[in-house]
Amino acid sequence: MLADWVTIVLGIVIIFLAVVTALGFRRKENGPGWRFTWWAWVTAVGNVVFGVLLVAVRVWGGG
């Protein structure tokens, strides 16, 4: 049961981080295109970390 709750919480966090990552994209002030901000980098790395944790919980949590 605990593993299921952890999985649900991690899933919500991953969705939240994905949204923040999308918001991290800002239009360049001088020209076309997009600039990948430092906050977008941080949240993208966070997505990978939580994704790995999510899989680990499901595998080792007996799920």
N, C-alpha and C. Protein backbone atom coordinates (compact mmCIF):
# COMPACT_ATOMS: atom_id res chain seq x y z
N MET A 1 0.82 -1.21 0.00
CA MET A 1 0.00 0.00 0.00
C MET A 1 0.86 1.27 0.00
N LEU A 2 1.90 1.26 0.83
CA LEU A 2 2.77 2.43 0.90
C LEU A 2 3.43 2.70 -0.44
N ALA A 3 3.86 1.62 -1.10
CA ALA A 3 4.51 1.79 -2.41
C ALA A 3 3.54 2.41 -3.41
N ASP A 4 2.26 2.04 -3.32
CA ASP A 4 1.27 2.61 -4.24
C ASP A 4 1.12 4.11 -3.99
N TRP A 5 1.06 4.52 -2.73
CA TRP A 5 0.94 5.94 -2.41
C TRP A 5 2.17 6.71 -2.86
N VAL A 6 3.34 6.13 -2.64
CA VAL A 6 4.58 6.78 -3.08
C VAL A 6 4.58 6.94 -4.59
N THR A 7 4.11 5.91 -5.29
CA THR A 7 4.05 5.98 -6.75
C THR A 7 3.12 7.09 -7.21
N ILE A 8 1.97 7.21 -6.56
CA ILE A 8 1.00 8.25 -6.91
C ILE A 8 1.61 9.64 -6.68
N VAL A 9 2.24 9.82 -5.52
CA VAL A 9 2.84 11.12 -5.19
C VAL A 9 3.94 11.46 -6.18
N LEU A 10 4.80 10.48 -6.49
CA LEU A 10 5.88 10.73 -7.44
C LEU A 10 5.32 11.08 -8.81
N GLY A 11 4.24 10.41 -9.20
CA GLY A 11 3.61 10.70 -10.49
C GLY A 11 3.14 12.15 -10.55
N ILE A 12 2.52 12.60 -9.46
CA ILE A 12 2.04 13.99 -9.40
C ILE A 12 3.21 14.96 -9.47
N VAL A 13 4.29 14.64 -8.76
CA VAL A 13 5.47 15.51 -8.77
C VAL A 13 6.08 15.58 -10.16
N ILE A 14 6.13 14.43 -10.86
CA ILE A 14 6.68 14.41 -12.22
C ILE A 14 5.84 15.29 -13.14
N ILE A 15 4.51 15.19 -13.02
CA ILE A 15 3.63 16.03 -13.85
C ILE A 15 3.89 17.50 -13.54
N PHE A 16 4.00 17.84 -12.25
CA PHE A 16 4.26 19.22 -11.84
C PHE A 16 5.58 19.72 -12.42
N LEU A 17 6.61 18.88 -12.32
CA LEU A 17 7.92 19.27 -12.86
C LEU A 17 7.87 19.44 -14.37
N ALA A 18 7.08 18.61 -15.04
CA ALA A 18 6.96 18.72 -16.49
C ALA A 18 6.33 20.06 -16.86
N VAL A 19 5.31 20.47 -16.10
CA VAL A 19 4.66 21.76 -16.36
C VAL A 19 5.64 22.91 -16.11
N VAL A 20 6.38 22.84 -15.00
CA VAL A 20 7.34 23.89 -14.69
C VAL A 20 8.44 23.94 -15.75
N THR A 21 8.83 22.76 -16.25
CA THR A 21 9.84 22.72 -17.31
C THR A 21 9.33 23.44 -18.55
N ALA A 22 8.07 23.20 -18.90
CA ALA A 22 7.49 23.87 -20.06
C ALA A 22 7.47 25.38 -19.84
N LEU A 23 7.15 25.80 -18.61
CA LEU A 23 7.12 27.23 -18.31
C LEU A 23 8.53 27.81 -18.28
N GLY A 24 9.54 26.94 -18.15
CA GLY A 24 10.92 27.40 -18.12
C GLY A 24 11.40 27.89 -19.47
N PHE A 25 10.65 27.55 -20.53
CA PHE A 25 11.02 28.03 -21.85
C PHE A 25 10.55 29.47 -22.01
N ARG A 26 11.49 30.35 -22.30
CA ARG A 26 11.14 31.76 -22.48
C ARG A 26 11.54 32.18 -23.89
N ARG A 27 10.73 33.04 -24.49
CA ARG A 27 11.06 33.51 -25.82
C ARG A 27 12.27 34.42 -25.74
N LYS A 28 13.16 34.30 -26.72
CA LYS A 28 14.35 35.15 -26.74
C LYS A 28 13.94 36.61 -26.94
N GLU A 29 14.63 37.49 -26.25
CA GLU A 29 14.30 38.90 -26.34
C GLU A 29 14.69 39.47 -27.69
N ASN A 30 15.80 38.98 -28.26
CA ASN A 30 16.31 39.57 -29.50
C ASN A 30 16.37 38.52 -30.61
N GLY A 31 15.22 38.17 -31.13
CA GLY A 31 15.22 37.24 -32.25
C GLY A 31 14.28 36.06 -32.03
N PRO A 32 14.10 35.28 -33.08
CA PRO A 32 13.20 34.12 -32.99
C PRO A 32 13.85 32.97 -32.22
N GLY A 33 13.05 32.02 -31.82
CA GLY A 33 13.60 30.86 -31.12
C GLY A 33 13.30 30.91 -29.64
N TRP A 34 13.83 29.92 -28.95
CA TRP A 34 13.59 29.81 -27.52
C TRP A 34 14.91 29.67 -26.78
N ARG A 35 14.90 30.15 -25.54
CA ARG A 35 16.09 30.06 -24.69
C ARG A 35 15.80 29.05 -23.58
N PHE A 36 16.69 28.09 -23.40
CA PHE A 36 16.51 27.06 -22.37
C PHE A 36 17.08 27.60 -21.07
N THR A 37 16.22 28.02 -20.14
CA THR A 37 16.67 28.66 -18.91
C THR A 37 17.25 27.65 -17.93
N TRP A 38 17.96 28.16 -16.95
CA TRP A 38 18.57 27.29 -15.94
C TRP A 38 17.50 26.54 -15.17
N TRP A 39 16.35 27.18 -14.94
CA TRP A 39 15.27 26.53 -14.19
C TRP A 39 14.70 25.36 -14.98
N ALA A 40 14.65 25.52 -16.30
CA ALA A 40 14.20 24.42 -17.15
C ALA A 40 15.19 23.25 -17.07
N TRP A 41 16.47 23.56 -17.01
CA TRP A 41 17.48 22.50 -16.86
C TRP A 41 17.29 21.76 -15.54
N VAL A 42 17.09 22.52 -14.45
CA VAL A 42 16.93 21.91 -13.13
C VAL A 42 15.71 21.00 -13.10
N THR A 43 14.59 21.46 -13.65
CA THR A 43 13.38 20.65 -13.62
C THR A 43 13.48 19.45 -14.54
N ALA A 44 14.20 19.60 -15.65
CA ALA A 44 14.38 18.46 -16.56
C ALA A 44 15.18 17.37 -15.86
N VAL A 45 16.24 17.75 -15.15
CA VAL A 45 17.02 16.77 -14.39
C VAL A 45 16.16 16.16 -13.29
N GLY A 46 15.33 16.98 -12.67
CA GLY A 46 14.42 16.48 -11.64
C GLY A 46 13.46 15.45 -12.20
N ASN A 47 12.98 15.66 -13.42
CA ASN A 47 12.10 14.68 -14.06
C ASN A 47 12.78 13.34 -14.20
N VAL A 48 14.04 13.35 -14.62
CA VAL A 48 14.78 12.09 -14.79
C VAL A 48 14.95 11.40 -13.44
N VAL A 49 15.34 12.16 -12.42
CA VAL A 49 15.57 11.57 -11.09
C VAL A 49 14.29 10.95 -10.55
N PHE A 50 13.18 11.68 -10.62
CA PHE A 50 11.93 11.15 -10.10
C PHE A 50 11.42 9.98 -10.94
N GLY A 51 11.70 10.02 -12.23
CA GLY A 51 11.32 8.89 -13.09
C GLY A 51 12.04 7.63 -12.67
N VAL A 52 13.34 7.75 -12.38
CA VAL A 52 14.12 6.59 -11.92
C VAL A 52 13.61 6.11 -10.57
N LEU A 53 13.31 7.04 -9.66
CA LEU A 53 12.78 6.65 -8.36
C LEU A 53 11.43 5.95 -8.51
N LEU A 54 10.62 6.43 -9.42
CA LEU A 54 9.31 5.84 -9.65
C LEU A 54 9.45 4.38 -10.08
N VAL A 55 10.34 4.14 -11.03
CA VAL A 55 10.58 2.77 -11.49
C VAL A 55 11.13 1.91 -10.36
N ALA A 56 12.08 2.46 -9.59
CA ALA A 56 12.68 1.70 -8.49
C ALA A 56 11.63 1.31 -7.45
N VAL A 57 10.72 2.22 -7.14
CA VAL A 57 9.67 1.92 -6.17
C VAL A 57 8.77 0.80 -6.69
N ARG A 58 8.44 0.85 -7.95
CA ARG A 58 7.56 -0.18 -8.52
C ARG A 58 8.27 -1.53 -8.58
N VAL A 59 9.56 -1.54 -8.88
CA VAL A 59 10.30 -2.80 -9.01
C VAL A 59 10.58 -3.41 -7.64
N TRP A 60 11.18 -2.61 -6.73
CA TRP A 60 11.57 -3.14 -5.43
C TRP A 60 10.45 -3.08 -4.41
N GLY A 61 9.37 -2.36 -4.74
CA GLY A 61 8.24 -2.29 -3.82
C GLY A 61 7.26 -3.44 -4.02
N GLY A 62 7.61 -4.37 -4.89
CA GLY A 62 6.74 -5.52 -5.12
C GLY A 62 5.58 -5.21 -6.03
N GLY A 63 5.64 -4.06 -6.71
CA GLY A 63 4.52 -3.67 -7.55
C GLY A 63 4.70 -4.15 -8.95
